[in-house]
Protein backbone atom coordinates (compact mmCIF):
# COMPACT_ATOMS: atom_id res chain seq x y z
CA MET A 1 -12.20 -5.60 12.32
CA ILE A 2 -12.00 -8.60 10.00
CA PHE A 3 -9.50 -11.33 10.89
CA LYS A 4 -8.21 -13.97 8.50
CA GLN A 5 -9.93 -17.33 8.23
CA LYS A 6 -9.06 -20.60 6.54
CA ASP A 7 -7.71 -20.10 2.99
CA GLN A 8 -7.04 -16.40 3.65
CA GLU A 9 -3.77 -14.59 4.34
CA TYR A 10 -2.51 -11.11 5.20
CA ALA A 11 -0.28 -9.50 2.59
CA GLN A 12 1.51 -6.26 1.75
CA ILE A 13 1.35 -4.70 -1.72
CA LEU A 14 4.76 -4.65 -3.42
CA LYS A 15 3.86 -3.37 -6.88
CA MET A 16 0.79 -2.25 -8.78
CA LEU A 17 0.69 -3.95 -12.18
CA GLY A 18 -2.39 -2.40 -13.73
CA ASN A 19 -5.75 -3.81 -14.81
CA GLY A 20 -6.68 -4.51 -11.18
CA ARG A 21 -3.65 -6.72 -10.50
CA CYS A 22 -0.99 -6.40 -7.77
CA ASP A 23 2.22 -8.13 -6.83
CA THR A 24 1.94 -8.94 -3.12
CA TYR A 25 4.11 -10.47 -0.42
CA CYS A 26 2.01 -12.71 1.80
CA PHE A 27 3.11 -13.17 5.39
CA ASP A 28 3.28 -16.94 4.90
CA GLY A 29 6.42 -16.26 2.81
CA ILE A 30 4.99 -16.53 -0.73
CA ARG A 31 4.76 -13.79 -3.37
CA ARG A 32 1.41 -13.89 -5.11
CA LEU A 33 -0.20 -12.16 -8.07
CA CYS A 34 -3.49 -10.84 -6.71
CA HIS A 35 -6.56 -9.45 -8.39
CA ILE A 36 -8.66 -6.62 -6.91
CA ARG A 37 -12.21 -7.86 -6.81
CA GLY A 38 -14.86 -5.94 -8.74
CA LYS A 39 -16.73 -4.63 -5.70
CA MET A 40 -13.56 -2.83 -4.52
CA ARG A 41 -12.44 -1.42 -7.88
CA LYS A 42 -12.74 2.37 -8.15
CA ARG A 43 -14.25 2.54 -4.65
CA ILE A 44 -11.27 1.69 -2.44
CA TRP A 45 -7.86 2.77 -3.71
CA ILE A 46 -4.99 0.41 -3.00
CA ASN A 47 -1.40 1.67 -3.03
CA VAL A 48 2.06 0.19 -2.64
CA GLY A 49 2.76 -0.65 1.00
CA ASP A 50 -0.87 -1.18 2.01
CA ILE A 51 -1.83 -4.18 4.14
CA VAL A 52 -4.59 -6.31 2.61
CA LEU A 53 -6.43 -9.55 3.24
CA ILE A 54 -6.32 -11.96 0.32
CA GLY A 55 -8.25 -15.10 -0.46
CA LYS A 56 -5.93 -17.90 -1.60
CA ARG A 57 -7.02 -19.96 -4.58
CA ASP A 58 -7.25 -23.73 -4.21
CA PHE A 59 -6.20 -24.45 -7.77
CA GLN A 60 -3.42 -21.81 -8.14
CA ASP A 61 -0.98 -21.41 -5.25
CA ARG A 62 0.74 -18.28 -6.65
CA LYS A 63 -2.48 -16.31 -7.26
CA GLY A 64 -5.14 -14.77 -5.03
CA ASP A 65 -7.92 -12.23 -4.74
CA ILE A 66 -7.86 -9.08 -2.58
CA ILE A 67 -10.81 -9.18 -0.21
CA GLN A 68 -10.16 -6.34 2.24
CA LYS A 69 -7.87 -3.32 2.57
CA TYR A 70 -6.77 -2.36 6.08
CA PHE A 71 -6.32 1.33 6.83
CA PRO A 72 -3.19 2.28 8.85
CA ASP A 73 -4.94 2.34 12.23
CA GLU A 74 -6.52 -1.07 11.54
CA ALA A 75 -3.14 -2.47 10.48
CA LYS A 76 -1.61 -1.18 13.73
CA ASN A 77 -4.36 -2.97 15.66
CA LEU A 78 -3.62 -6.20 13.77
CA LYS A 79 0.05 -5.78 14.60
CA ASP A 80 -0.80 -5.25 18.29
CA TYR A 81 -2.99 -8.39 18.31
CA GLY A 82 -0.05 -10.39 16.92
CA GLU A 83 -1.68 -11.15 13.57
CA LEU A 84 1.06 -9.37 11.59
CA PRO A 85 4.84 -9.75 11.98
CA ARG A 86 6.53 -7.12 14.17
CA ASN A 87 9.19 -6.21 11.57
CA ILE A 88 6.90 -4.83 8.83
CA PHE A 89 6.53 -1.13 8.06
CA ILE A 90 2.99 0.21 7.91
CA SER A 91 2.61 3.24 5.65
CA GLU A 92 0.93 6.00 7.64
CA MET A 93 -1.00 9.08 6.63
CA ILE A 94 -0.73 12.09 8.91
CA LEU A 95 -2.80 15.25 9.04
CA ALA A 96 -1.34 18.47 7.72
CA LYS A 97 -0.62 21.49 9.95
CA GLU A 98 -3.33 23.12 12.04
CA GLY A 99 -4.52 25.53 9.34
CA ASP A 100 -5.04 22.74 6.78
CA SER A 101 -6.93 20.32 9.01
CA ASN A 102 -9.02 18.98 6.10
CA LYS A 103 -6.03 17.89 4.05
CA ILE A 104 -4.14 14.64 4.50
CA CYS A 105 -0.42 14.52 3.76
CA SER A 106 1.94 11.61 3.41
CA ASP A 107 4.77 11.26 5.90
CA GLN A 108 7.23 11.26 2.99
CA ALA A 109 8.11 14.47 1.18
CA PHE A 110 10.50 15.71 -1.49
CA GLU A 111 12.62 18.79 -1.22
CA PHE A 112 13.89 20.62 -4.29
CA ASP A 113 16.80 23.04 -4.42
CA SER A 114 16.19 26.44 -5.96
CA THR A 115 17.47 26.89 -9.50
CA SER A 116 20.36 29.30 -9.92
CA GLU A 117 21.41 31.10 -13.10
CA LYS A 118 24.38 28.80 -13.69
CA ASP A 119 22.02 25.78 -13.85
CA VAL A 120 20.04 27.29 -16.72
CA VAL A 121 21.58 27.39 -20.19
CA LYS A 122 19.47 29.00 -22.95
CA GLY A 123 16.22 28.26 -21.15
CA LYS A 124 17.00 24.57 -20.57
CA TYR A 125 17.94 22.86 -17.34
CA ILE A 126 21.21 21.01 -17.03
CA LEU A 127 20.63 17.46 -15.80
């Protein structure tokens, strides 16, 4: 478990901007534009809602570099140690049902209604 040091801060990803950049909310109350460092690119995938450790820049207060991604169980441990605020939501991944033990599913799901004949007009869906 890696804890923050001087010139580092915990943050949560708000938006992925592309080209290795993210909009983050740091728990010191500042939104920062952060860059995913090269060693992490294409090896560790970062998504919206993930908890990360960023290195603050001395010369640019609104920018930083992502150093470490915390997996959900690590983020829960940080929350238990009092490093993270109690009111944040940690995105969790749960295992699928017993038969699909190798698959990982998100705790959020979509449900679609079945299409009836009145919803289809000449092969096109009515929006």
